[in-house]
Each structure stands twice: as C-alpha cells, then as structure tokens.
Amino acid sequence: MRLEAISWERLTDALADRVTRTGAADGGPWPRVAVDGAPAAHGDALAQRLADALRLRGRSVLVVATAGFLRPASLRYEFGRQDVDAYYEGWTDVGALWREVFNPLDAGGSGRVLPDLWDPVTDRATRSPYVPLPPGGVLVVHGPLLLGHWFPFDLSVHLRLSPAALARRTERDQQWTLPAFARYEAEVCPAESADVVVRADDPRHPAWNGGDTP
C-alpha cells in the first residue's frame, strides 16, 4: 500500500470533502462514517475534527463512541478483568449499536439515534435522550475493533499503528489488550478492508493512502 505524508489538518479537510460527496449506499439520507483504531491511536480526536469540518460545510453531525455501548461489567468481566477473548468478542454491545444507532438510520428510518447507552465508569445506564439527525446529517462512529461487524458504513477510516508503535503508545495498564489487536489484524485485516488508511505511528507525522482513493 502506497502511503503519502499529510498533516492532520489537510487529512481532516480531505476526509470532510469526501464525506460530502458520499451518499448512503442504501439510498437513505444519512451517510455513516467509521473512525476505527486502537485507543492509543486517538480516533476520538480525528472523529471530532472531522465533525467540526463537516459542520463548517453545513452538515449536521452526530458523533458516537463505541465506549458508550459497552456491556455491563458483570458481562465484560465474566472471565476476569483481563480476558483477551472477552475484550475482543464481547465488551461492546454490538446488538445495541445496531438497534439504537444504525437501524434508525436505515432508508426510511426514524433518524432518532441514541448517542450512548452505558457508562462504564458508573456501570449504569446513561439515560441519554434520543437525538434526531436531520436528513443529510452524518453519523461518525469511532472506537477500537470497529470493522468486521458488518456495520453499514459508507466510508471507513482505519488508524493504523505498527505492533511496536501500538505497544509503545498503549498505557501500561492496558498492555494486556495487545493480543486482541493482533488477532484483529489477522482476522479482519482492517488496513485492507477500510476505505481510507492512516498510518499514525508518529502522531506528529501521519501518512495516508488518499492518493489511491477516489
């Protein structure tokens, strides 16, 4: 894969321009964008930059973090607090994301999205109100291990970290999650399945495959 250097500012503008040219594949009025990456890649920051850039272009945007759809602690920690397979397969409530985020944005859907469901700190429901996304509004979902669930993204961005960079930038108390990301690379191949790949080993100097994408 050919990657070219780019600044975060230029990358954000290029992504925002591409989103404005992207329609929902199902014919609905809501394009859906993924920003996928390990926590160490800080996909939340890119998702927020993209949302700001889209709003400057006159688009309504709803940013949803998969961290707001974690399953209760009793389920996440059923096999221990550092069970790699549970982290990979069962920490995120995929069914709730389908039900509360993606299904309402199907063609003919209500457009009413629940921005979060569960607070992992308090381990309680957030009780957030539904948010109406007007036609033409853009959904931006960010989080780790996001691809491979058949979510109906119209544009997917993967923040790629080499194994060495991932290990170096992952917090010490989260090092146990590294095998899950190795499994993700082997089974999902996100750098191959994503529409846009951003190499983020050096957070000051990203590179992307934008020269190879329309």
N, C-alpha and C. Protein backbone atom coordinates (compact mmCIF):
# COMPACT_ATOMS: atom_id res chain seq x y z
N MET A 1 0.85 -1.20 0.00
CA MET A 1 0.00 0.00 0.00
C MET A 1 0.88 1.24 0.00
N ARG A 2 0.61 2.14 -0.94
CA ARG A 2 1.38 3.38 -1.01
C ARG A 2 0.75 4.41 -0.08
N LEU A 3 1.58 4.96 0.80
CA LEU A 3 1.13 5.97 1.74
C LEU A 3 1.90 7.26 1.50
N GLU A 4 1.24 8.38 1.67
CA GLU A 4 1.89 9.67 1.49
C GLU A 4 1.69 10.52 2.73
N ALA A 5 2.71 11.31 3.04
CA ALA A 5 2.66 12.16 4.23
C ALA A 5 1.57 13.22 4.06
N ILE A 6 0.96 13.56 5.18
CA ILE A 6 -0.09 14.58 5.18
C ILE A 6 -0.20 15.13 6.60
N SER A 7 -0.66 16.35 6.73
CA SER A 7 -0.91 16.91 8.06
C SER A 7 -2.31 16.50 8.51
N TRP A 8 -2.54 16.56 9.81
CA TRP A 8 -3.88 16.25 10.31
C TRP A 8 -4.91 17.23 9.76
N GLU A 9 -4.50 18.48 9.59
CA GLU A 9 -5.45 19.48 9.08
C GLU A 9 -5.86 19.16 7.65
N ARG A 10 -4.88 18.85 6.79
CA ARG A 10 -5.20 18.52 5.40
C ARG A 10 -5.97 17.21 5.33
N LEU A 11 -5.60 16.27 6.17
CA LEU A 11 -6.31 14.98 6.19
C LEU A 11 -7.78 15.19 6.57
N THR A 12 -8.02 15.99 7.59
CA THR A 12 -9.39 16.24 8.03
C THR A 12 -10.20 16.89 6.92
N ASP A 13 -9.63 17.89 6.26
CA ASP A 13 -10.34 18.56 5.18
C ASP A 13 -10.61 17.61 4.02
N ALA A 14 -9.64 16.75 3.69
CA ALA A 14 -9.84 15.81 2.60
C ALA A 14 -10.93 14.81 2.93
N LEU A 15 -10.94 14.33 4.17
CA LEU A 15 -11.99 13.40 4.58
C LEU A 15 -13.36 14.07 4.56
N ALA A 16 -13.42 15.30 5.07
CA ALA A 16 -14.70 16.01 5.09
C ALA A 16 -15.22 16.23 3.67
N ASP A 17 -14.33 16.58 2.75
CA ASP A 17 -14.75 16.76 1.36
C ASP A 17 -15.26 15.45 0.78
N ARG A 18 -14.58 14.36 1.13
CA ARG A 18 -15.03 13.07 0.60
C ARG A 18 -16.38 12.68 1.17
N VAL A 19 -16.58 12.95 2.45
CA VAL A 19 -17.88 12.61 3.05
C VAL A 19 -19.00 13.39 2.38
N THR A 20 -18.75 14.65 2.06
CA THR A 20 -19.80 15.44 1.42
C THR A 20 -20.16 14.92 0.03
N ARG A 21 -19.24 14.14 -0.56
CA ARG A 21 -19.52 13.54 -1.87
C ARG A 21 -20.05 12.12 -1.75
N THR A 22 -20.18 11.62 -0.53
CA THR A 22 -20.56 10.23 -0.31
C THR A 22 -22.01 10.14 0.13
N GLY A 23 -22.79 9.37 -0.56
CA GLY A 23 -24.17 9.13 -0.17
C GLY A 23 -24.29 7.79 0.52
N ALA A 24 -25.38 7.60 1.22
CA ALA A 24 -25.64 6.33 1.88
C ALA A 24 -25.89 5.25 0.83
N ALA A 25 -25.24 4.11 1.00
CA ALA A 25 -25.35 3.04 0.00
C ALA A 25 -26.77 2.50 -0.11
N ASP A 26 -27.55 2.61 0.97
CA ASP A 26 -28.91 2.07 0.92
C ASP A 26 -29.92 3.07 0.38
N GLY A 27 -29.44 4.22 -0.06
CA GLY A 27 -30.33 5.23 -0.61
C GLY A 27 -30.95 6.15 0.42
N GLY A 28 -30.64 5.93 1.69
CA GLY A 28 -31.16 6.80 2.74
C GLY A 28 -30.45 8.14 2.77
N PRO A 29 -30.89 9.05 3.63
CA PRO A 29 -30.33 10.40 3.64
C PRO A 29 -29.20 10.60 4.65
N TRP A 30 -28.70 9.51 5.27
CA TRP A 30 -27.71 9.66 6.34
C TRP A 30 -26.44 8.87 6.04
N PRO A 31 -25.38 9.51 5.55
CA PRO A 31 -24.10 8.82 5.40
C PRO A 31 -23.54 8.42 6.76
N ARG A 32 -22.87 7.25 6.80
CA ARG A 32 -22.35 6.72 8.06
C ARG A 32 -20.86 6.48 7.91
N VAL A 33 -20.09 7.05 8.83
CA VAL A 33 -18.63 7.04 8.73
C VAL A 33 -18.04 6.35 9.95
N ALA A 34 -17.03 5.52 9.73
CA ALA A 34 -16.31 4.86 10.82
C ALA A 34 -14.92 5.47 10.97
N VAL A 35 -14.51 5.70 12.21
CA VAL A 35 -13.12 6.02 12.51
C VAL A 35 -12.65 4.91 13.45
N ASP A 36 -11.92 3.96 12.90
CA ASP A 36 -11.53 2.75 13.61
C ASP A 36 -10.07 2.85 14.04
N GLY A 37 -9.79 2.43 15.27
CA GLY A 37 -8.41 2.41 15.72
C GLY A 37 -8.31 2.10 17.19
N ALA A 38 -7.17 1.56 17.59
CA ALA A 38 -6.92 1.29 19.00
C ALA A 38 -6.97 2.59 19.79
N PRO A 39 -7.27 2.51 21.09
CA PRO A 39 -7.30 3.74 21.89
C PRO A 39 -6.03 4.57 21.76
N ALA A 40 -4.89 3.90 21.61
CA ALA A 40 -3.61 4.61 21.51
C ALA A 40 -3.52 5.47 20.25
N ALA A 41 -4.36 5.19 19.25
CA ALA A 41 -4.34 5.97 18.02
C ALA A 41 -5.18 7.23 18.12
N HIS A 42 -5.98 7.36 19.18
CA HIS A 42 -6.79 8.56 19.43
C HIS A 42 -7.74 8.88 18.28
N GLY A 43 -8.52 7.87 17.91
CA GLY A 43 -9.53 8.08 16.88
C GLY A 43 -10.60 9.06 17.30
N ASP A 44 -10.79 9.22 18.61
CA ASP A 44 -11.78 10.19 19.09
C ASP A 44 -11.43 11.60 18.64
N ALA A 45 -10.13 11.92 18.63
CA ALA A 45 -9.70 13.26 18.22
C ALA A 45 -9.97 13.48 16.73
N LEU A 46 -9.67 12.46 15.91
CA LEU A 46 -9.93 12.61 14.48
C LEU A 46 -11.43 12.69 14.21
N ALA A 47 -12.22 11.90 14.92
CA ALA A 47 -13.67 11.94 14.73
C ALA A 47 -14.22 13.33 15.05
N GLN A 48 -13.71 13.95 16.11
CA GLN A 48 -14.19 15.28 16.46
C GLN A 48 -13.73 16.33 15.45
N ARG A 49 -12.47 16.21 14.98
CA ARG A 49 -12.01 17.13 13.93
C ARG A 49 -12.87 17.01 12.68
N LEU A 50 -13.18 15.77 12.31
CA LEU A 50 -14.00 15.56 11.12
C LEU A 50 -15.39 16.14 11.30
N ALA A 51 -15.96 15.95 12.49
CA ALA A 51 -17.29 16.50 12.76
C ALA A 51 -17.27 18.02 12.65
N ASP A 52 -16.25 18.66 13.19
CA ASP A 52 -16.14 20.11 13.12
C ASP A 52 -16.03 20.58 11.68
N ALA A 53 -15.23 19.86 10.89
CA ALA A 53 -15.05 20.24 9.48
C ALA A 53 -16.35 20.08 8.70
N LEU A 54 -17.09 19.04 8.99
CA LEU A 54 -18.36 18.84 8.30
C LEU A 54 -19.38 19.90 8.67
N ARG A 55 -19.38 20.30 9.93
CA ARG A 55 -20.31 21.35 10.35
C ARG A 55 -19.99 22.67 9.65
N LEU A 56 -18.69 22.93 9.44
CA LEU A 56 -18.31 24.13 8.70
C LEU A 56 -18.80 24.07 7.27
N ARG A 57 -19.02 22.87 6.78
CA ARG A 57 -19.55 22.68 5.42
C ARG A 57 -21.07 22.61 5.41
N GLY A 58 -21.69 22.92 6.53
CA GLY A 58 -23.14 23.00 6.59
C GLY A 58 -23.85 21.69 6.87
N ARG A 59 -23.12 20.67 7.32
CA ARG A 59 -23.74 19.38 7.58
C ARG A 59 -23.96 19.19 9.08
N SER A 60 -25.11 18.64 9.43
CA SER A 60 -25.33 18.20 10.81
C SER A 60 -24.54 16.91 11.03
N VAL A 61 -23.99 16.74 12.23
CA VAL A 61 -23.16 15.58 12.53
C VAL A 61 -23.49 15.07 13.92
N LEU A 62 -23.56 13.75 14.04
CA LEU A 62 -23.67 13.12 15.35
C LEU A 62 -22.47 12.19 15.51
N VAL A 63 -21.68 12.42 16.56
CA VAL A 63 -20.51 11.59 16.85
C VAL A 63 -20.89 10.60 17.95
N VAL A 64 -20.67 9.32 17.69
CA VAL A 64 -20.99 8.27 18.65
C VAL A 64 -19.73 7.47 18.93
N ALA A 65 -19.41 7.29 20.21
CA ALA A 65 -18.27 6.47 20.63
C ALA A 65 -18.76 5.08 21.03
N THR A 66 -18.07 4.05 20.57
CA THR A 66 -18.47 2.71 20.97
C THR A 66 -18.27 2.51 22.47
N ALA A 67 -17.45 3.35 23.10
CA ALA A 67 -17.28 3.27 24.55
C ALA A 67 -18.59 3.51 25.29
N GLY A 68 -19.53 4.18 24.65
CA GLY A 68 -20.83 4.41 25.25
C GLY A 68 -21.77 3.23 25.08
N PHE A 69 -21.28 2.17 24.44
CA PHE A 69 -22.10 0.98 24.23
C PHE A 69 -21.39 -0.27 24.71
N LEU A 70 -20.61 -0.10 25.78
CA LEU A 70 -20.01 -1.27 26.40
C LEU A 70 -21.07 -2.05 27.16
N ARG A 71 -20.85 -3.35 27.27
CA ARG A 71 -21.78 -4.18 28.04
C ARG A 71 -21.51 -3.98 29.53
N PRO A 72 -22.45 -4.33 30.40
CA PRO A 72 -22.24 -4.18 31.84
C PRO A 72 -21.00 -4.94 32.32
N ALA A 73 -20.44 -4.46 33.42
CA ALA A 73 -19.21 -5.07 33.95
C ALA A 73 -19.39 -6.55 34.26
N SER A 74 -20.56 -6.94 34.70
CA SER A 74 -20.79 -8.34 35.02
C SER A 74 -20.60 -9.24 33.81
N LEU A 75 -20.85 -8.70 32.62
CA LEU A 75 -20.65 -9.45 31.38
C LEU A 75 -19.24 -9.27 30.83
N ARG A 76 -18.72 -8.05 30.90
CA ARG A 76 -17.36 -7.81 30.39
C ARG A 76 -16.33 -8.61 31.18
N TYR A 77 -16.52 -8.70 32.50
CA TYR A 77 -15.52 -9.33 33.36
C TYR A 77 -15.91 -10.74 33.80
N GLU A 78 -16.81 -11.35 33.06
CA GLU A 78 -17.29 -12.68 33.46
C GLU A 78 -16.14 -13.67 33.56
N PHE A 79 -15.13 -13.54 32.71
CA PHE A 79 -13.99 -14.46 32.71
C PHE A 79 -12.72 -13.78 33.22
N GLY A 80 -12.89 -12.69 33.96
CA GLY A 80 -11.74 -11.95 34.51
C GLY A 80 -11.61 -10.59 33.86
N ARG A 81 -10.93 -9.70 34.53
CA ARG A 81 -10.81 -8.32 34.05
C ARG A 81 -9.84 -8.17 32.90
N GLN A 82 -9.03 -9.18 32.64
CA GLN A 82 -8.05 -9.08 31.57
C GLN A 82 -8.14 -10.28 30.63
N ASP A 83 -9.35 -10.69 30.33
CA ASP A 83 -9.55 -11.79 29.40
C ASP A 83 -9.54 -11.23 27.97
N VAL A 84 -8.55 -11.61 27.20
CA VAL A 84 -8.35 -11.04 25.87
C VAL A 84 -9.50 -11.41 24.93
N ASP A 85 -9.96 -12.65 24.97
CA ASP A 85 -11.04 -13.07 24.09
C ASP A 85 -12.33 -12.32 24.40
N ALA A 86 -12.60 -12.09 25.68
CA ALA A 86 -13.79 -11.34 26.06
C ALA A 86 -13.70 -9.90 25.56
N TYR A 87 -12.51 -9.30 25.68
CA TYR A 87 -12.31 -7.94 25.19
C TYR A 87 -12.56 -7.87 23.69
N TYR A 88 -12.07 -8.86 22.97
CA TYR A 88 -12.19 -8.87 21.51
C TYR A 88 -13.62 -9.14 21.06
N GLU A 89 -14.28 -10.07 21.72
CA GLU A 89 -15.56 -10.56 21.23
C GLU A 89 -16.78 -10.00 21.95
N GLY A 90 -16.62 -9.58 23.21
CA GLY A 90 -17.82 -9.34 23.98
C GLY A 90 -17.92 -8.07 24.79
N TRP A 91 -16.93 -7.19 24.73
CA TRP A 91 -17.05 -5.97 25.53
C TRP A 91 -18.07 -4.99 24.94
N THR A 92 -18.13 -4.88 23.63
CA THR A 92 -19.05 -3.93 23.00
C THR A 92 -20.39 -4.59 22.75
N ASP A 93 -21.46 -3.86 23.06
CA ASP A 93 -22.81 -4.36 22.84
C ASP A 93 -23.18 -4.10 21.37
N VAL A 94 -22.76 -5.02 20.51
CA VAL A 94 -22.97 -4.85 19.08
C VAL A 94 -24.46 -4.78 18.74
N GLY A 95 -25.25 -5.60 19.42
CA GLY A 95 -26.69 -5.59 19.16
C GLY A 95 -27.32 -4.24 19.47
N ALA A 96 -26.87 -3.61 20.56
CA ALA A 96 -27.41 -2.29 20.90
C ALA A 96 -26.99 -1.24 19.87
N LEU A 97 -25.77 -1.34 19.36
CA LEU A 97 -25.36 -0.40 18.31
C LEU A 97 -26.24 -0.54 17.08
N TRP A 98 -26.51 -1.78 16.68
CA TRP A 98 -27.41 -1.98 15.56
C TRP A 98 -28.78 -1.37 15.85
N ARG A 99 -29.32 -1.69 17.02
CA ARG A 99 -30.70 -1.31 17.35
C ARG A 99 -30.86 0.19 17.54
N GLU A 100 -29.91 0.82 18.23
CA GLU A 100 -30.08 2.21 18.66
C GLU A 100 -29.37 3.22 17.76
N VAL A 101 -28.41 2.77 16.97
CA VAL A 101 -27.63 3.71 16.17
C VAL A 101 -27.83 3.49 14.67
N PHE A 102 -27.64 2.25 14.22
CA PHE A 102 -27.66 2.01 12.78
C PHE A 102 -29.06 1.82 12.21
N ASN A 103 -29.87 1.01 12.85
CA ASN A 103 -31.22 0.75 12.30
C ASN A 103 -32.05 2.02 12.12
N PRO A 104 -32.00 2.98 13.08
CA PRO A 104 -32.79 4.20 12.86
C PRO A 104 -32.34 5.02 11.66
N LEU A 105 -31.12 4.75 11.15
CA LEU A 105 -30.62 5.50 10.00
C LEU A 105 -30.69 4.69 8.71
N ASP A 106 -31.38 3.56 8.75
CA ASP A 106 -31.68 2.86 7.50
C ASP A 106 -32.59 3.73 6.64
N ALA A 107 -32.59 3.48 5.34
CA ALA A 107 -33.53 4.18 4.46
C ALA A 107 -34.95 3.98 4.98
N GLY A 108 -35.66 5.07 5.20
CA GLY A 108 -37.00 5.00 5.76
C GLY A 108 -37.02 4.94 7.27
N GLY A 109 -35.85 5.05 7.91
CA GLY A 109 -35.79 5.00 9.37
C GLY A 109 -36.24 6.31 10.01
N SER A 110 -36.30 6.29 11.34
CA SER A 110 -36.79 7.45 12.08
C SER A 110 -35.77 8.58 12.17
N GLY A 111 -34.47 8.26 12.06
CA GLY A 111 -33.42 9.26 12.23
C GLY A 111 -33.14 9.61 13.67
N ARG A 112 -33.81 8.92 14.62
CA ARG A 112 -33.61 9.19 16.05
C ARG A 112 -32.60 8.19 16.61
N VAL A 113 -31.43 8.71 17.01
CA VAL A 113 -30.31 7.88 17.42
C VAL A 113 -30.04 8.07 18.92
N LEU A 114 -29.75 6.97 19.59
CA LEU A 114 -29.33 7.05 20.98
C LEU A 114 -27.81 7.20 21.00
N PRO A 115 -27.29 8.33 21.51
CA PRO A 115 -25.86 8.58 21.41
C PRO A 115 -25.01 7.71 22.33
N ASP A 116 -25.57 7.23 23.40
CA ASP A 116 -24.86 6.31 24.29
C ASP A 116 -25.89 5.58 25.14
N LEU A 117 -25.45 4.45 25.69
CA LEU A 117 -26.37 3.59 26.43
C LEU A 117 -25.86 3.24 27.81
N TRP A 118 -24.54 3.08 27.94
CA TRP A 118 -23.99 2.57 29.20
C TRP A 118 -22.75 3.35 29.58
N ASP A 119 -22.66 3.75 30.85
CA ASP A 119 -21.49 4.44 31.37
C ASP A 119 -20.58 3.40 32.03
N PRO A 120 -19.42 3.11 31.44
CA PRO A 120 -18.56 2.07 32.01
C PRO A 120 -17.93 2.46 33.34
N VAL A 121 -17.90 3.75 33.66
CA VAL A 121 -17.32 4.19 34.93
C VAL A 121 -18.29 3.91 36.08
N THR A 122 -19.54 4.32 35.92
CA THR A 122 -20.53 4.07 36.96
C THR A 122 -21.19 2.71 36.82
N ASP A 123 -21.01 2.09 35.65
CA ASP A 123 -21.64 0.81 35.33
C ASP A 123 -23.16 0.90 35.46
N ARG A 124 -23.67 1.98 34.91
CA ARG A 124 -25.11 2.21 34.90
C ARG A 124 -25.55 2.75 33.54
N ALA A 125 -26.83 2.61 33.25
CA ALA A 125 -27.37 3.18 32.02
C ALA A 125 -27.22 4.70 32.05
N THR A 126 -26.91 5.28 30.91
CA THR A 126 -26.70 6.73 30.85
C THR A 126 -28.02 7.51 30.84
N ARG A 127 -29.07 6.89 30.35
CA ARG A 127 -30.38 7.54 30.23
C ARG A 127 -30.33 8.80 29.36
N SER A 128 -29.45 8.79 28.38
CA SER A 128 -29.38 9.92 27.45
C SER A 128 -30.63 9.95 26.56
N PRO A 129 -31.08 11.13 26.18
CA PRO A 129 -32.24 11.20 25.28
C PRO A 129 -31.83 10.87 23.85
N TYR A 130 -32.81 10.46 23.05
CA TYR A 130 -32.55 10.23 21.63
C TYR A 130 -32.27 11.56 20.94
N VAL A 131 -31.41 11.50 19.93
CA VAL A 131 -31.04 12.70 19.18
C VAL A 131 -31.54 12.55 17.75
N PRO A 132 -32.37 13.47 17.26
CA PRO A 132 -32.82 13.39 15.86
C PRO A 132 -31.72 13.90 14.93
N LEU A 133 -31.35 13.08 13.96
CA LEU A 133 -30.37 13.50 12.95
C LEU A 133 -31.14 13.86 11.69
N PRO A 134 -31.11 15.11 11.28
CA PRO A 134 -31.91 15.52 10.13
C PRO A 134 -31.40 14.89 8.84
N PRO A 135 -32.24 14.78 7.82
CA PRO A 135 -31.79 14.26 6.53
C PRO A 135 -30.57 15.04 6.04
N GLY A 136 -29.59 14.31 5.55
CA GLY A 136 -28.34 14.92 5.14
C GLY A 136 -27.31 14.95 6.25
N GLY A 137 -27.74 14.66 7.48
CA GLY A 137 -26.81 14.61 8.59
C GLY A 137 -25.91 13.40 8.49
N VAL A 138 -24.74 13.50 9.13
CA VAL A 138 -23.72 12.47 9.03
C VAL A 138 -23.51 11.83 10.40
N LEU A 139 -23.48 10.51 10.43
CA LEU A 139 -23.13 9.77 11.63
C LEU A 139 -21.65 9.43 11.57
N VAL A 140 -20.91 9.76 12.63
CA VAL A 140 -19.50 9.39 12.75
C VAL A 140 -19.35 8.53 13.99
N VAL A 141 -18.97 7.28 13.79
CA VAL A 141 -18.78 6.34 14.90
C VAL A 141 -17.30 6.06 15.05
N HIS A 142 -16.78 6.16 16.28
CA HIS A 142 -15.37 5.88 16.50
C HIS A 142 -15.18 4.89 17.63
N GLY A 143 -14.12 4.10 17.52
CA GLY A 143 -13.82 3.13 18.56
C GLY A 143 -12.86 2.07 18.05
N PRO A 144 -12.39 1.19 18.95
CA PRO A 144 -11.49 0.12 18.54
C PRO A 144 -12.25 -1.09 18.03
N LEU A 145 -11.57 -1.90 17.20
CA LEU A 145 -12.13 -3.18 16.74
C LEU A 145 -13.49 -2.96 16.09
N LEU A 146 -13.61 -1.89 15.33
CA LEU A 146 -14.92 -1.45 14.85
C LEU A 146 -15.35 -2.13 13.56
N LEU A 147 -14.38 -2.53 12.75
CA LEU A 147 -14.71 -3.17 11.49
C LEU A 147 -14.91 -4.67 11.70
N GLY A 148 -15.54 -5.33 10.74
CA GLY A 148 -15.76 -6.76 10.85
C GLY A 148 -17.08 -7.16 11.45
N HIS A 149 -17.93 -6.18 11.81
CA HIS A 149 -19.26 -6.48 12.35
C HIS A 149 -20.36 -6.30 11.30
N TRP A 150 -19.98 -5.98 10.08
CA TRP A 150 -20.94 -5.73 9.01
C TRP A 150 -21.79 -4.49 9.27
N PHE A 151 -21.27 -3.57 10.08
CA PHE A 151 -21.97 -2.30 10.24
C PHE A 151 -22.02 -1.59 8.87
N PRO A 152 -23.12 -0.89 8.57
CA PRO A 152 -23.31 -0.34 7.22
C PRO A 152 -22.61 1.00 7.01
N PHE A 153 -21.30 1.01 7.13
CA PHE A 153 -20.57 2.25 6.94
C PHE A 153 -20.45 2.57 5.45
N ASP A 154 -20.62 3.84 5.13
CA ASP A 154 -20.44 4.30 3.77
C ASP A 154 -19.03 4.78 3.51
N LEU A 155 -18.30 5.07 4.57
CA LEU A 155 -16.88 5.42 4.48
C LEU A 155 -16.22 4.95 5.78
N SER A 156 -15.14 4.20 5.65
CA SER A 156 -14.45 3.70 6.84
C SER A 156 -13.00 4.16 6.82
N VAL A 157 -12.55 4.69 7.97
CA VAL A 157 -11.18 5.17 8.13
C VAL A 157 -10.53 4.32 9.22
N HIS A 158 -9.38 3.76 8.92
CA HIS A 158 -8.64 2.96 9.90
C HIS A 158 -7.35 3.66 10.26
N LEU A 159 -7.16 3.92 11.55
CA LEU A 159 -5.91 4.49 12.06
C LEU A 159 -4.98 3.33 12.39
N ARG A 160 -3.94 3.20 11.61
CA ARG A 160 -3.05 2.04 11.69
C ARG A 160 -1.83 2.35 12.54
N LEU A 161 -1.54 1.47 13.49
CA LEU A 161 -0.33 1.53 14.28
C LEU A 161 0.44 0.23 14.08
N SER A 162 1.74 0.32 13.86
CA SER A 162 2.55 -0.89 13.80
C SER A 162 2.52 -1.55 15.16
N PRO A 163 2.82 -2.86 15.25
CA PRO A 163 2.83 -3.52 16.57
C PRO A 163 3.74 -2.82 17.57
N ALA A 164 4.90 -2.34 17.10
CA ALA A 164 5.82 -1.66 18.02
C ALA A 164 5.24 -0.35 18.51
N ALA A 165 4.64 0.42 17.60
CA ALA A 165 4.06 1.70 17.99
C ALA A 165 2.86 1.49 18.90
N LEU A 166 2.05 0.47 18.59
CA LEU A 166 0.89 0.18 19.44
C LEU A 166 1.33 -0.17 20.85
N ALA A 167 2.35 -1.01 20.97
CA ALA A 167 2.85 -1.38 22.29
C ALA A 167 3.44 -0.18 23.03
N ARG A 168 4.15 0.66 22.29
CA ARG A 168 4.80 1.82 22.91
C ARG A 168 3.79 2.85 23.39
N ARG A 169 2.70 3.02 22.66
CA ARG A 169 1.75 4.09 22.96
C ARG A 169 0.56 3.63 23.80
N THR A 170 0.43 2.34 24.04
CA THR A 170 -0.66 1.83 24.87
C THR A 170 -0.29 1.96 26.35
N GLU A 171 -1.22 2.46 27.14
CA GLU A 171 -0.97 2.64 28.57
C GLU A 171 -0.59 1.30 29.22
N ARG A 172 0.24 1.38 30.25
CA ARG A 172 0.76 0.16 30.87
C ARG A 172 -0.35 -0.75 31.36
N ASP A 173 -1.41 -0.16 31.95
CA ASP A 173 -2.47 -0.99 32.49
C ASP A 173 -3.38 -1.56 31.41
N GLN A 174 -3.12 -1.18 30.14
CA GLN A 174 -3.89 -1.72 29.03
C GLN A 174 -3.06 -2.61 28.10
N GLN A 175 -1.84 -2.90 28.51
CA GLN A 175 -0.97 -3.72 27.67
C GLN A 175 -1.55 -5.11 27.43
N TRP A 176 -2.37 -5.57 28.34
CA TRP A 176 -2.95 -6.91 28.19
C TRP A 176 -3.87 -7.00 26.98
N THR A 177 -4.33 -5.86 26.45
CA THR A 177 -5.23 -5.88 25.29
C THR A 177 -4.50 -6.08 23.97
N LEU A 178 -3.18 -5.99 23.96
CA LEU A 178 -2.42 -6.04 22.71
C LEU A 178 -2.69 -7.31 21.89
N PRO A 179 -2.79 -8.49 22.51
CA PRO A 179 -3.10 -9.68 21.69
C PRO A 179 -4.45 -9.58 20.97
N ALA A 180 -5.40 -8.84 21.52
CA ALA A 180 -6.68 -8.67 20.84
C ALA A 180 -6.50 -7.91 19.53
N PHE A 181 -5.62 -6.90 19.52
CA PHE A 181 -5.40 -6.14 18.30
C PHE A 181 -4.59 -6.95 17.29
N ALA A 182 -3.71 -7.83 17.78
CA ALA A 182 -3.01 -8.73 16.86
C ALA A 182 -4.01 -9.67 16.20
N ARG A 183 -4.96 -10.17 16.96
CA ARG A 183 -6.00 -11.03 16.40
C ARG A 183 -6.85 -10.26 15.38
N TYR A 184 -7.17 -9.02 15.70
CA TYR A 184 -7.95 -8.17 14.80
C TYR A 184 -7.23 -8.00 13.46
N GLU A 185 -5.93 -7.76 13.52
CA GLU A 185 -5.15 -7.63 12.29
C GLU A 185 -5.19 -8.91 11.48
N ALA A 186 -5.09 -10.04 12.15
CA ALA A 186 -5.04 -11.32 11.45
C ALA A 186 -6.40 -11.72 10.88
N GLU A 187 -7.48 -11.46 11.61
CA GLU A 187 -8.80 -11.95 11.22
C GLU A 187 -9.59 -10.95 10.37
N VAL A 188 -9.47 -9.67 10.67
CA VAL A 188 -10.28 -8.66 9.97
C VAL A 188 -9.49 -7.94 8.89
N CYS A 189 -8.15 -7.85 9.08
CA CYS A 189 -7.30 -7.13 8.13
C CYS A 189 -7.83 -5.72 7.87
N PRO A 190 -7.94 -4.89 8.90
CA PRO A 190 -8.59 -3.58 8.73
C PRO A 190 -7.91 -2.68 7.72
N ALA A 191 -6.59 -2.81 7.56
CA ALA A 191 -5.90 -1.97 6.58
C ALA A 191 -6.29 -2.31 5.16
N GLU A 192 -6.83 -3.51 4.96
CA GLU A 192 -7.28 -3.91 3.63
C GLU A 192 -8.76 -3.63 3.43
N SER A 193 -9.53 -3.74 4.50
CA SER A 193 -10.98 -3.58 4.35
C SER A 193 -11.44 -2.13 4.46
N ALA A 194 -10.65 -1.26 5.10
CA ALA A 194 -11.05 0.14 5.26
C ALA A 194 -10.91 0.89 3.94
N ASP A 195 -11.74 1.90 3.76
CA ASP A 195 -11.65 2.75 2.56
C ASP A 195 -10.44 3.66 2.62
N VAL A 196 -10.14 4.15 3.80
CA VAL A 196 -9.02 5.07 4.00
C VAL A 196 -8.16 4.54 5.14
N VAL A 197 -6.86 4.48 4.92
CA VAL A 197 -5.92 4.03 5.95
C VAL A 197 -4.99 5.18 6.30
N VAL A 198 -4.84 5.43 7.59
CA VAL A 198 -3.95 6.48 8.08
C VAL A 198 -2.91 5.84 8.98
N ARG A 199 -1.66 5.94 8.61
CA ARG A 199 -0.58 5.46 9.47
C ARG A 199 -0.30 6.52 10.52
N ALA A 200 -0.43 6.11 11.78
CA ALA A 200 -0.32 7.08 12.87
C ALA A 200 0.77 6.70 13.87
N ASP A 201 1.82 6.00 13.41
CA ASP A 201 2.89 5.60 14.32
C ASP A 201 3.51 6.81 15.02
N ASP A 202 3.76 7.85 14.25
CA ASP A 202 4.25 9.12 14.80
C ASP A 202 3.08 10.10 14.77
N PRO A 203 2.51 10.43 15.92
CA PRO A 203 1.32 11.29 15.91
C PRO A 203 1.56 12.66 15.30
N ARG A 204 2.82 13.06 15.16
CA ARG A 204 3.12 14.37 14.56
C ARG A 204 3.17 14.31 13.05
N HIS A 205 3.34 13.10 12.50
CA HIS A 205 3.55 12.97 11.06
C HIS A 205 2.73 11.81 10.50
N PRO A 206 1.42 11.99 10.35
CA PRO A 206 0.61 10.91 9.77
C PRO A 206 0.87 10.75 8.27
N ALA A 207 0.50 9.61 7.77
CA ALA A 207 0.52 9.35 6.33
C ALA A 207 -0.74 8.57 5.98
N TRP A 208 -1.17 8.70 4.72
CA TRP A 208 -2.42 8.04 4.36
C TRP A 208 -2.38 7.55 2.92
N ASN A 209 -3.36 6.73 2.58
CA ASN A 209 -3.44 6.20 1.23
C ASN A 209 -4.40 7.00 0.37
N GLY A 210 -4.60 8.25 0.70
CA GLY A 210 -5.56 9.09 -0.01
C GLY A 210 -5.26 9.26 -1.47
N GLY A 211 -3.97 9.14 -1.84
CA GLY A 211 -3.62 9.25 -3.25
C GLY A 211 -4.13 8.10 -4.07
N ASP A 212 -4.53 7.00 -3.37
CA ASP A 212 -5.02 5.83 -4.10
C ASP A 212 -6.52 5.71 -4.03
N THR A 213 -7.20 6.67 -3.37
CA THR A 213 -8.64 6.57 -3.21
C THR A 213 -9.32 7.67 -3.98
N PRO A 214 -10.57 7.47 -4.40
CA PRO A 214 -11.27 8.49 -5.17
C PRO A 214 -11.64 9.68 -4.30
